[in-house]
Amino acid sequence: MILKDCLKRIWHYRRRGWTQKRLDEWCALARTVENPDVHKFADMLERRSYGILNHCDYPIHTSKLEGVNNKIKVIKRKAYGFQGHKYFSLKVIQAFHSN
């Protein structure tokens, strides 16, 4: 439970240095547990630490990205039958253009 709570807190840091330090501490703590699955998970986190640290600079969640993808799919469905990629591109730009 301690590992779980500590790992959740890592996502709330906004500075790369702090996040890196906490991630390293978490992986070291995870390796003290005698469970090979936890060791594998710690190894995976270390391999993917670059992406985790990027979350500090760009805190984008998948919900926003999924919303954009869904909007583009709807535009694509509505544009079915029209010829040309230019029209589709213009409709996507129009949908995300903020006034």
PDB file of N, CA and C in Angstrom:
ATOM      1  N   MET A   1       0.810  -1.191   0.000  1.00  0.00           N
ATOM      2  CA  MET A   1       0.000   0.000   0.000  1.00  0.00           C
ATOM      3  C   MET A   1       0.854   1.256   0.000  1.00  0.00           C
ATOM      4  N   ILE A   2       1.970   1.212   0.692  1.00  0.00           N
ATOM      5  CA  ILE A   2       2.856   2.381   0.751  1.00  0.00           C
ATOM      6  C   ILE A   2       3.397   2.683  -0.640  1.00  0.00           C
ATOM      7  N   LEU A   3       3.805   1.644  -1.353  1.00  0.00           N
ATOM      8  CA  LEU A   3       4.322   1.836  -2.710  1.00  0.00           C
ATOM      9  C   LEU A   3       3.258   2.450  -3.613  1.00  0.00           C
ATOM     10  N   LYS A   4       2.042   1.974  -3.482  1.00  0.00           N
ATOM     11  CA  LYS A   4       0.943   2.464  -4.309  1.00  0.00           C
ATOM     12  C   LYS A   4       0.704   3.949  -4.060  1.00  0.00           C
ATOM     13  N   ASP A   5       0.649   4.359  -2.811  1.00  0.00           N
ATOM     14  CA  ASP A   5       0.407   5.760  -2.476  1.00  0.00           C
ATOM     15  C   ASP A   5       1.560   6.655  -2.923  1.00  0.00           C
ATOM     16  N   CYS A   6       2.775   6.189  -2.744  1.00  0.00           N
ATOM     17  CA  CYS A   6       3.947   6.975  -3.169  1.00  0.00           C
ATOM     18  C   CYS A   6       3.977   7.142  -4.680  1.00  0.00           C
ATOM     19  N   LEU A   7       3.610   6.102  -5.400  1.00  0.00           N
ATOM     20  CA  LEU A   7       3.621   6.172  -6.863  1.00  0.00           C
ATOM     21  C   LEU A   7       2.563   7.156  -7.361  1.00  0.00           C
ATOM     22  N   LYS A   8       1.415   7.193  -6.720  1.00  0.00           N
ATOM     23  CA  LYS A   8       0.366   8.138  -7.107  1.00  0.00           C
ATOM     24  C   LYS A   8       0.836   9.584  -6.945  1.00  0.00           C
ATOM     25  N   ARG A   9       1.595   9.847  -5.913  1.00  0.00           N
ATOM     26  CA  ARG A   9       2.057  11.212  -5.651  1.00  0.00           C
ATOM     27  C   ARG A   9       3.058  11.705  -6.691  1.00  0.00           C
ATOM     28  N   ILE A  10       3.752  10.797  -7.357  1.00  0.00           N
ATOM     29  CA  ILE A  10       4.744  11.193  -8.359  1.00  0.00           C
ATOM     30  C   ILE A  10       4.101  12.006  -9.474  1.00  0.00           C
ATOM     31  N   TRP A  11       2.868  11.709  -9.812  1.00  0.00           N
ATOM     32  CA  TRP A  11       2.196  12.389 -10.929  1.00  0.00           C
ATOM     33  C   TRP A  11       1.790  13.817 -10.603  1.00  0.00           C
ATOM     34  N   HIS A  12       1.890  14.229  -9.351  1.00  0.00           N
ATOM     35  CA  HIS A  12       1.481  15.580  -8.960  1.00  0.00           C
ATOM     36  C   HIS A  12       2.639  16.571  -8.966  1.00  0.00           C
ATOM     37  N   TYR A  13       3.865  16.103  -9.102  1.00  0.00           N
ATOM     38  CA  TYR A  13       5.003  17.013  -9.149  1.00  0.00           C
ATOM     39  C   TYR A  13       5.046  17.737 -10.485  1.00  0.00           C
ATOM     40  N   ARG A  14       5.480  18.987 -10.482  1.00  0.00           N
ATOM     41  CA  ARG A  14       5.559  19.781 -11.706  1.00  0.00           C
ATOM     42  C   ARG A  14       6.997  20.105 -12.109  1.00  0.00           C
ATOM     43  N   ARG A  15       7.952  19.700 -11.308  1.00  0.00           N
ATOM     44  CA  ARG A  15       9.360  19.944 -11.636  1.00  0.00           C
ATOM     45  C   ARG A  15      10.044  18.615 -11.906  1.00  0.00           C
ATOM     46  N   ARG A  16      10.814  18.612 -12.998  1.00  0.00           N
ATOM     47  CA  ARG A  16      11.477  17.379 -13.430  1.00  0.00           C
ATOM     48  C   ARG A  16      12.422  16.832 -12.372  1.00  0.00           C
ATOM     49  N   GLY A  17      13.167  17.706 -11.726  1.00  0.00           N
ATOM     50  CA  GLY A  17      14.147  17.265 -10.724  1.00  0.00           C
ATOM     51  C   GLY A  17      13.495  16.553  -9.559  1.00  0.00           C
ATOM     52  N   TRP A  18      12.419  17.133  -9.062  1.00  0.00           N
ATOM     53  CA  TRP A  18      11.704  16.518  -7.943  1.00  0.00           C
ATOM     54  C   TRP A  18      11.101  15.192  -8.363  1.00  0.00           C
ATOM     55  N   THR A  19      10.524  15.176  -9.552  1.00  0.00           N
ATOM     56  CA  THR A  19       9.900  13.950 -10.038  1.00  0.00           C
ATOM     57  C   THR A  19      10.938  12.848 -10.207  1.00  0.00           C
ATOM     58  N   GLN A  20      12.094  13.197 -10.786  1.00  0.00           N
ATOM     59  CA  GLN A  20      13.170  12.219 -10.986  1.00  0.00           C
ATOM     60  C   GLN A  20      13.632  11.658  -9.647  1.00  0.00           C
ATOM     61  N   LYS A  21      13.797  12.550  -8.667  1.00  0.00           N
ATOM     62  CA  LYS A  21      14.252  12.112  -7.347  1.00  0.00           C
ATOM     63  C   LYS A  21      13.245  11.156  -6.709  1.00  0.00           C
ATOM     64  N   ARG A  22      11.960  11.513  -6.762  1.00  0.00           N
ATOM     65  CA  ARG A  22      10.924  10.655  -6.166  1.00  0.00           C
ATOM     66  C   ARG A  22      10.782   9.334  -6.918  1.00  0.00           C
ATOM     67  N   LEU A  23      10.924   9.382  -8.228  1.00  0.00           N
ATOM     68  CA  LEU A  23      10.841   8.152  -9.022  1.00  0.00           C
ATOM     69  C   LEU A  23      11.994   7.215  -8.686  1.00  0.00           C
ATOM     70  N   ASP A  24      13.191   7.765  -8.557  1.00  0.00           N
ATOM     71  CA  ASP A  24      14.353   6.952  -8.176  1.00  0.00           C
ATOM     72  C   ASP A  24      14.171   6.358  -6.784  1.00  0.00           C
ATOM     73  N   GLU A  25      13.648   7.170  -5.868  1.00  0.00           N
ATOM     74  CA  GLU A  25      13.403   6.679  -4.509  1.00  0.00           C
ATOM     75  C   GLU A  25      12.365   5.560  -4.512  1.00  0.00           C
ATOM     76  N   TRP A  26      11.312   5.740  -5.326  1.00  0.00           N
ATOM     77  CA  TRP A  26      10.264   4.730  -5.393  1.00  0.00           C
ATOM     78  C   TRP A  26      10.819   3.415  -5.937  1.00  0.00           C
ATOM     79  N   CYS A  27      11.624   3.501  -6.998  1.00  0.00           N
ATOM     80  CA  CYS A  27      12.199   2.279  -7.588  1.00  0.00           C
ATOM     81  C   CYS A  27      13.133   1.580  -6.600  1.00  0.00           C
ATOM     82  N   ALA A  28      13.903   2.364  -5.841  1.00  0.00           N
ATOM     83  CA  ALA A  28      14.781   1.770  -4.832  1.00  0.00           C
ATOM     84  C   ALA A  28      13.964   1.083  -3.735  1.00  0.00           C
ATOM     85  N   LEU A  29      12.878   1.728  -3.322  1.00  0.00           N
ATOM     86  CA  LEU A  29      12.009   1.133  -2.310  1.00  0.00           C
ATOM     87  C   LEU A  29      11.334  -0.126  -2.852  1.00  0.00           C
ATOM     88  N   ALA A  30      10.932  -0.100  -4.104  1.00  0.00           N
ATOM     89  CA  ALA A  30      10.268  -1.256  -4.717  1.00  0.00           C
ATOM     90  C   ALA A  30      11.214  -2.448  -4.800  1.00  0.00           C
ATOM     91  N   ARG A  31      12.484  -2.192  -4.968  1.00  0.00           N
ATOM     92  CA  ARG A  31      13.446  -3.293  -5.072  1.00  0.00           C
ATOM     93  C   ARG A  31      13.721  -3.955  -3.720  1.00  0.00           C
ATOM     94  N   THR A  32      13.311  -3.304  -2.637  1.00  0.00           N
ATOM     95  CA  THR A  32      13.479  -3.931  -1.316  1.00  0.00           C
ATOM     96  C   THR A  32      12.389  -4.963  -1.058  1.00  0.00           C
ATOM     97  N   VAL A  33      11.313  -4.889  -1.833  1.00  0.00           N
ATOM     98  CA  VAL A  33      10.220  -5.856  -1.699  1.00  0.00           C
ATOM     99  C   VAL A  33      10.627  -7.135  -2.415  1.00  0.00           C
ATOM    100  N   GLU A  34      10.380  -8.269  -1.801  1.00  0.00           N
ATOM    101  CA  GLU A  34      10.767  -9.540  -2.406  1.00  0.00           C
ATOM    102  C   GLU A  34       9.651 -10.064  -3.298  1.00  0.00           C
ATOM    103  N   ASN A  35       9.485  -9.378  -4.420  1.00  0.00           N
ATOM    104  CA  ASN A  35       8.464  -9.777  -5.383  1.00  0.00           C
ATOM    105  C   ASN A  35       9.010  -9.463  -6.778  1.00  0.00           C
ATOM    106  N   PRO A  36       9.227 -10.479  -7.614  1.00  0.00           N
ATOM    107  CA  PRO A  36       9.812 -10.237  -8.933  1.00  0.00           C
ATOM    108  C   PRO A  36       8.941  -9.366  -9.840  1.00  0.00           C
ATOM    109  N   ASP A  37       7.622  -9.408  -9.650  1.00  0.00           N
ATOM    110  CA  ASP A  37       6.745  -8.575 -10.465  1.00  0.00           C
ATOM    111  C   ASP A  37       6.928  -7.090 -10.133  1.00  0.00           C
ATOM    112  N   VAL A  38       7.131  -6.792  -8.881  1.00  0.00           N
ATOM    113  CA  VAL A  38       7.366  -5.406  -8.472  1.00  0.00           C
ATOM    114  C   VAL A  38       8.715  -4.942  -9.028  1.00  0.00           C
ATOM    115  N   HIS A  39       9.694  -5.826  -9.042  1.00  0.00           N
ATOM    116  CA  HIS A  39      11.013  -5.489  -9.608  1.00  0.00           C
ATOM    117  C   HIS A  39      10.883  -5.195 -11.105  1.00  0.00           C
ATOM    118  N   LYS A  40      10.108  -6.008 -11.814  1.00  0.00           N
ATOM    119  CA  LYS A  40       9.889  -5.780 -13.251  1.00  0.00           C
ATOM    120  C   LYS A  40       9.211  -4.444 -13.492  1.00  0.00           C
ATOM    121  N   PHE A  41       8.227  -4.132 -12.652  1.00  0.00           N
ATOM    122  CA  PHE A  41       7.513  -2.865 -12.791  1.00  0.00           C
ATOM    123  C   PHE A  41       8.461  -1.684 -12.556  1.00  0.00           C
ATOM    124  N   ALA A  42       9.327  -1.790 -11.569  1.00  0.00           N
ATOM    125  CA  ALA A  42      10.305  -0.727 -11.300  1.00  0.00           C
ATOM    126  C   ALA A  42      11.257  -0.561 -12.480  1.00  0.00           C
ATOM    127  N   ASP A  43      11.691  -1.679 -13.063  1.00  0.00           N
ATOM    128  CA  ASP A  43      12.555  -1.618 -14.252  1.00  0.00           C
ATOM    129  C   ASP A  43      11.845  -0.927 -15.408  1.00  0.00           C
ATOM    130  N   MET A  44      10.564  -1.250 -15.587  1.00  0.00           N
ATOM    131  CA  MET A  44       9.783  -0.643 -16.661  1.00  0.00           C
ATOM    132  C   MET A  44       9.645   0.862 -16.439  1.00  0.00           C
ATOM    133  N   LEU A  45       9.406   1.280 -15.204  1.00  0.00           N
ATOM    134  CA  LEU A  45       9.302   2.703 -14.910  1.00  0.00           C
ATOM    135  C   LEU A  45      10.609   3.427 -15.205  1.00  0.00           C
ATOM    136  N   GLU A  46      11.714   2.800 -14.875  1.00  0.00           N
ATOM    137  CA  GLU A  46      13.010   3.427 -15.155  1.00  0.00           C
ATOM    138  C   GLU A  46      13.265   3.536 -16.654  1.00  0.00           C
ATOM    139  N   ARG A  47      12.869   2.523 -17.414  1.00  0.00           N
ATOM    140  CA  ARG A  47      13.029   2.592 -18.871  1.00  0.00           C
ATOM    141  C   ARG A  47      12.168   3.696 -19.469  1.00  0.00           C
ATOM    142  N   ARG A  48      11.027   3.926 -18.885  1.00  0.00           N
ATOM    143  CA  ARG A  48      10.088   4.922 -19.420  1.00  0.00           C
ATOM    144  C   ARG A  48      10.132   6.244 -18.660  1.00  0.00           C
ATOM    145  N   SER A  49      11.165   6.469 -17.900  1.00  0.00           N
ATOM    146  CA  SER A  49      11.242   7.676 -17.078  1.00  0.00           C
ATOM    147  C   SER A  49      11.236   8.949 -17.921  1.00  0.00           C
ATOM    148  N   TYR A  50      11.756   8.892 -19.141  1.00  0.00           N
ATOM    149  CA  TYR A  50      11.763  10.075 -20.013  1.00  0.00           C
ATOM    150  C   TYR A  50      10.332  10.553 -20.266  1.00  0.00           C
ATOM    151  N   GLY A  51       9.445   9.639 -20.599  1.00  0.00           N
ATOM    152  CA  GLY A  51       8.047  10.000 -20.839  1.00  0.00           C
ATOM    153  C   GLY A  51       7.348  10.463 -19.575  1.00  0.00           C
ATOM    154  N   ILE A  52       7.664   9.841 -18.456  1.00  0.00           N
ATOM    155  CA  ILE A  52       7.059  10.238 -17.185  1.00  0.00           C
ATOM    156  C   ILE A  52       7.498  11.650 -16.817  1.00  0.00           C
ATOM    157  N   LEU A  53       8.770  11.946 -17.035  1.00  0.00           N
ATOM    158  CA  LEU A  53       9.280  13.279 -16.726  1.00  0.00           C
ATOM    159  C   LEU A  53       8.720  14.332 -17.681  1.00  0.00           C
ATOM    160  N   ASN A  54       8.395  13.937 -18.903  1.00  0.00           N
ATOM    161  CA  ASN A  54       7.781  14.874 -19.841  1.00  0.00           C
ATOM    162  C   ASN A  54       6.419  15.343 -19.356  1.00  0.00           C
ATOM    163  N   HIS A  55       5.780  14.544 -18.518  1.00  0.00           N
ATOM    164  CA  HIS A  55       4.482  14.932 -17.964  1.00  0.00           C
ATOM    165  C   HIS A  55       4.613  16.210 -17.123  1.00  0.00           C
ATOM    166  N   CYS A  56       5.787  16.467 -16.574  1.00  0.00           N
ATOM    167  CA  CYS A  56       6.009  17.702 -15.808  1.00  0.00           C
ATOM    168  C   CYS A  56       5.928  18.921 -16.725  1.00  0.00           C
ATOM    169  N   ASP A  57       6.511  18.810 -17.912  1.00  0.00           N
ATOM    170  CA  ASP A  57       6.523  19.934 -18.848  1.00  0.00           C
ATOM    171  C   ASP A  57       5.218  20.056 -19.622  1.00  0.00           C
ATOM    172  N   TYR A  58       4.615  18.932 -19.952  1.00  0.00           N
ATOM    173  CA  TYR A  58       3.394  18.903 -20.753  1.00  0.00           C
ATOM    174  C   TYR A  58       2.343  18.039 -20.056  1.00  0.00           C
ATOM    175  N   PRO A  59       1.621  18.603 -19.088  1.00  0.00           N
ATOM    176  CA  PRO A  59       0.652  17.800 -18.331  1.00  0.00           C
ATOM    177  C   PRO A  59      -0.648  17.557 -19.106  1.00  0.00           C
ATOM    178  N   ILE A  60      -0.531  16.890 -20.227  1.00  0.00           N
ATOM    179  CA  ILE A  60      -1.693  16.583 -21.045  1.00  0.00           C
ATOM    180  C   ILE A  60      -2.201  15.202 -20.644  1.00  0.00           C
ATOM    181  N   HIS A  61      -3.491  15.120 -20.424  1.00  0.00           N
ATOM    182  CA  HIS A  61      -4.092  13.842 -20.083  1.00  0.00           C
ATOM    183  C   HIS A  61      -4.774  13.265 -21.312  1.00  0.00           C
ATOM    184  N   THR A  62      -4.980  11.996 -21.322  1.00  0.00           N
ATOM    185  CA  THR A  62      -5.556  11.342 -22.494  1.00  0.00           C
ATOM    186  C   THR A  62      -6.990  11.763 -22.758  1.00  0.00           C
ATOM    187  N   SER A  63      -7.667  12.297 -21.762  1.00  0.00           N
ATOM    188  CA  SER A  63      -9.057  12.703 -21.969  1.00  0.00           C
ATOM    189  C   SER A  63      -9.161  13.793 -23.029  1.00  0.00           C
ATOM    190  N   LYS A  64      -8.268  14.754 -23.014  1.00  0.00           N
ATOM    191  CA  LYS A  64      -8.277  15.818 -24.018  1.00  0.00           C
ATOM    192  C   LYS A  64      -7.941  15.258 -25.397  1.00  0.00           C
ATOM    193  N   LEU A  65      -6.960  14.375 -25.443  1.00  0.00           N
ATOM    194  CA  LEU A  65      -6.572  13.788 -26.722  1.00  0.00           C
ATOM    195  C   LEU A  65      -7.684  12.925 -27.300  1.00  0.00           C
ATOM    196  N   GLU A  66      -8.350  12.176 -26.444  1.00  0.00           N
ATOM    197  CA  GLU A  66      -9.466  11.349 -26.905  1.00  0.00           C
ATOM    198  C   GLU A  66     -10.607  12.221 -27.429  1.00  0.00           C
ATOM    199  N   GLY A  67     -10.830  13.355 -26.792  1.00  0.00           N
ATOM    200  CA  GLY A  67     -11.853  14.277 -27.263  1.00  0.00           C
ATOM    201  C   GLY A  67     -11.546  14.819 -28.652  1.00  0.00           C
ATOM    202  N   VAL A  68     -10.280  15.154 -28.877  1.00  0.00           N
ATOM    203  CA  VAL A  68      -9.860  15.640 -30.194  1.00  0.00           C
ATOM    204  C   VAL A  68     -10.030  14.540 -31.238  1.00  0.00           C
ATOM    205  N   ASN A  69      -9.600  13.331 -30.896  1.00  0.00           N
ATOM    206  CA  ASN A  69      -9.740  12.212 -31.831  1.00  0.00           C
ATOM    207  C   ASN A  69     -11.203  11.954 -32.177  1.00  0.00           C
ATOM    208  N   ASN A  70     -12.064  12.014 -31.180  1.00  0.00           N
ATOM    209  CA  ASN A  70     -13.485  11.774 -31.414  1.00  0.00           C
ATOM    210  C   ASN A  70     -14.073  12.856 -32.321  1.00  0.00           C
ATOM    211  N   LYS A  71     -13.683  14.104 -32.087  1.00  0.00           N
ATOM    212  CA  LYS A  71     -14.196  15.200 -32.912  1.00  0.00           C
ATOM    213  C   LYS A  71     -13.770  15.028 -34.370  1.00  0.00           C
ATOM    214  N   ILE A  72     -12.532  14.607 -34.586  1.00  0.00           N
ATOM    215  CA  ILE A  72     -12.040  14.392 -35.948  1.00  0.00           C
ATOM    216  C   ILE A  72     -12.785  13.237 -36.609  1.00  0.00           C
ATOM    217  N   LYS A  73     -13.088  12.181 -35.851  1.00  0.00           N
ATOM    218  CA  LYS A  73     -13.854  11.057 -36.408  1.00  0.00           C
ATOM    219  C   LYS A  73     -15.246  11.496 -36.846  1.00  0.00           C
ATOM    220  N   VAL A  74     -15.876  12.363 -36.045  1.00  0.00           N
ATOM    221  CA  VAL A  74     -17.209  12.857 -36.400  1.00  0.00           C
ATOM    222  C   VAL A  74     -17.134  13.686 -37.677  1.00  0.00           C
ATOM    223  N   ILE A  75     -16.126  14.540 -37.793  1.00  0.00           N
ATOM    224  CA  ILE A  75     -15.943  15.348 -39.004  1.00  0.00           C
ATOM    225  C   ILE A  75     -15.728  14.436 -40.205  1.00  0.00           C
ATOM    226  N   LYS A  76     -14.942  13.383 -40.005  1.00  0.00           N
ATOM    227  CA  LYS A  76     -14.672  12.445 -41.103  1.00  0.00           C
ATOM    228  C   LYS A  76     -15.957  11.757 -41.556  1.00  0.00           C
ATOM    229  N   ARG A  77     -16.806  11.383 -40.604  1.00  0.00           N
ATOM    230  CA  ARG A  77     -18.078  10.750 -40.955  1.00  0.00           C
ATOM    231  C   ARG A  77     -18.988  11.707 -41.724  1.00  0.00           C
ATOM    232  N   LYS A  78     -19.027  12.946 -41.280  1.00  0.00           N
ATOM    233  CA  LYS A  78     -19.871  13.940 -41.950  1.00  0.00           C
ATOM    234  C   LYS A  78     -19.350  14.274 -43.347  1.00  0.00           C
ATOM    235  N   ALA A  79     -18.039  14.217 -43.519  1.00  0.00           N
ATOM    236  CA  ALA A  79     -17.424  14.593 -44.793  1.00  0.00           C
ATOM    237  C   ALA A  79     -17.380  13.437 -45.780  1.00  0.00           C
ATOM    238  N   TYR A  80     -17.918  12.279 -45.395  1.00  0.00           N
ATOM    239  CA  TYR A  80     -17.885  11.115 -46.281  1.00  0.00           C
ATOM    240  C   TYR A  80     -18.609  11.443 -47.593  1.00  0.00           C
ATOM    241  N   GLY A  81     -17.965  11.121 -48.693  1.00  0.00           N
ATOM    242  CA  GLY A  81     -18.548  11.370 -50.006  1.00  0.00           C
ATOM    243  C   GLY A  81     -17.973  12.597 -50.685  1.00  0.00           C
ATOM    244  N   PHE A  82     -17.404  13.492 -49.913  1.00  0.00           N
ATOM    245  CA  PHE A  82     -16.760  14.652 -50.517  1.00  0.00           C
ATOM    246  C   PHE A  82     -15.374  14.262 -50.975  1.00  0.00           C
ATOM    247  N   GLN A  83     -14.978  14.786 -52.088  1.00  0.00           N
ATOM    248  CA  GLN A  83     -13.661  14.444 -52.621  1.00  0.00           C
ATOM    249  C   GLN A  83     -12.639  15.470 -52.174  1.00  0.00           C
ATOM    250  N   GLY A  84     -11.449  15.006 -51.954  1.00  0.00           N
ATOM    251  CA  GLY A  84     -10.336  15.887 -51.642  1.00  0.00           C
ATOM    252  C   GLY A  84     -10.024  15.953 -50.157  1.00  0.00           C
ATOM    253  N   HIS A  85      -8.762  15.877 -49.885  1.00  0.00           N
ATOM    254  CA  HIS A  85      -8.278  15.961 -48.516  1.00  0.00           C
ATOM    255  C   HIS A  85      -8.270  17.399 -48.023  1.00  0.00           C
ATOM    256  N   LYS A  86      -8.221  18.336 -48.961  1.00  0.00           N
ATOM    257  CA  LYS A  86      -8.161  19.738 -48.571  1.00  0.00           C
ATOM    258  C   LYS A  86      -9.432  20.144 -47.823  1.00  0.00           C
ATOM    259  N   TYR A  87     -10.591  19.697 -48.299  1.00  0.00           N
ATOM    260  CA  TYR A  87     -11.855  20.011 -47.632  1.00  0.00           C
ATOM    261  C   TYR A  87     -11.859  19.449 -46.209  1.00  0.00           C
ATOM    262  N   PHE A  88     -11.408  18.222 -46.071  1.00  0.00           N
ATOM    263  CA  PHE A  88     -11.349  17.589 -44.746  1.00  0.00           C
ATOM    264  C   PHE A  88     -10.422  18.377 -43.820  1.00  0.00           C
ATOM    265  N   SER A  89      -9.252  18.748 -44.333  1.00  0.00           N
ATOM    266  CA  SER A  89      -8.300  19.515 -43.531  1.00  0.00           C
ATOM    267  C   SER A  89      -8.897  20.846 -43.095  1.00  0.00           C
ATOM    268  N   LEU A  90      -9.603  21.511 -44.003  1.00  0.00           N
ATOM    269  CA  LEU A  90     -10.225  22.792 -43.663  1.00  0.00           C
ATOM    270  C   LEU A  90     -11.307  22.628 -42.596  1.00  0.00           C
ATOM    271  N   LYS A  91     -12.065  21.542 -42.663  1.00  0.00           N
ATOM    272  CA  LYS A  91     -13.102  21.291 -41.662  1.00  0.00           C
ATOM    273  C   LYS A  91     -12.492  21.018 -40.285  1.00  0.00           C
ATOM    274  N   VAL A  92     -11.358  20.311 -40.250  1.00  0.00           N
ATOM    275  CA  VAL A  92     -10.692  20.052 -38.974  1.00  0.00           C
ATOM    276  C   VAL A  92     -10.155  21.366 -38.395  1.00  0.00           C
ATOM    277  N   ILE A  93      -9.541  22.171 -39.235  1.00  0.00           N
ATOM    278  CA  ILE A  93      -9.016  23.465 -38.781  1.00  0.00           C
ATOM    279  C   ILE A  93     -10.170  24.339 -38.278  1.00  0.00           C
ATOM    280  N   GLN A  94     -11.274  24.328 -38.995  1.00  0.00           N
ATOM    281  CA  GLN A  94     -12.445  25.117 -38.602  1.00  0.00           C
ATOM    282  C   GLN A  94     -12.992  24.654 -37.242  1.00  0.00           C
ATOM    283  N   ALA A  95     -12.990  23.376 -37.003  1.00  0.00           N
ATOM    284  CA  ALA A  95     -13.530  22.831 -35.753  1.00  0.00           C
ATOM    285  C   ALA A  95     -12.689  23.239 -34.538  1.00  0.00           C
ATOM    286  N   PHE A  96     -11.395  23.393 -34.733  1.00  0.00           N
ATOM    287  CA  PHE A  96     -10.518  23.714 -33.599  1.00  0.00           C
ATOM    288  C   PHE A  96     -10.066  25.164 -33.579  1.00  0.00           C
ATOM    289  N   HIS A  97     -10.574  25.954 -34.491  1.00  0.00           N
ATOM    290  CA  HIS A  97     -10.229  27.378 -34.528  1.00  0.00           C
ATOM    291  C   HIS A  97     -10.976  28.089 -33.420  1.00  0.00           C
ATOM    292  N   SER A  98     -10.252  28.756 -32.550  1.00  0.00           N
ATOM    293  CA  SER A  98     -10.903  29.474 -31.449  1.00  0.00           C
ATOM    294  C   SER A  98     -11.095  30.935 -31.840  1.00  0.00           C
ATOM    295  N   ASN A  99     -12.251  31.426 -31.555  1.00  0.00           N
ATOM    296  CA  ASN A  99     -12.575  32.825 -31.881  1.00  0.00           C
ATOM    297  C   ASN A  99     -12.211  33.742 -30.760  1.00  0.00           C
TER     298      ASN A  99
END
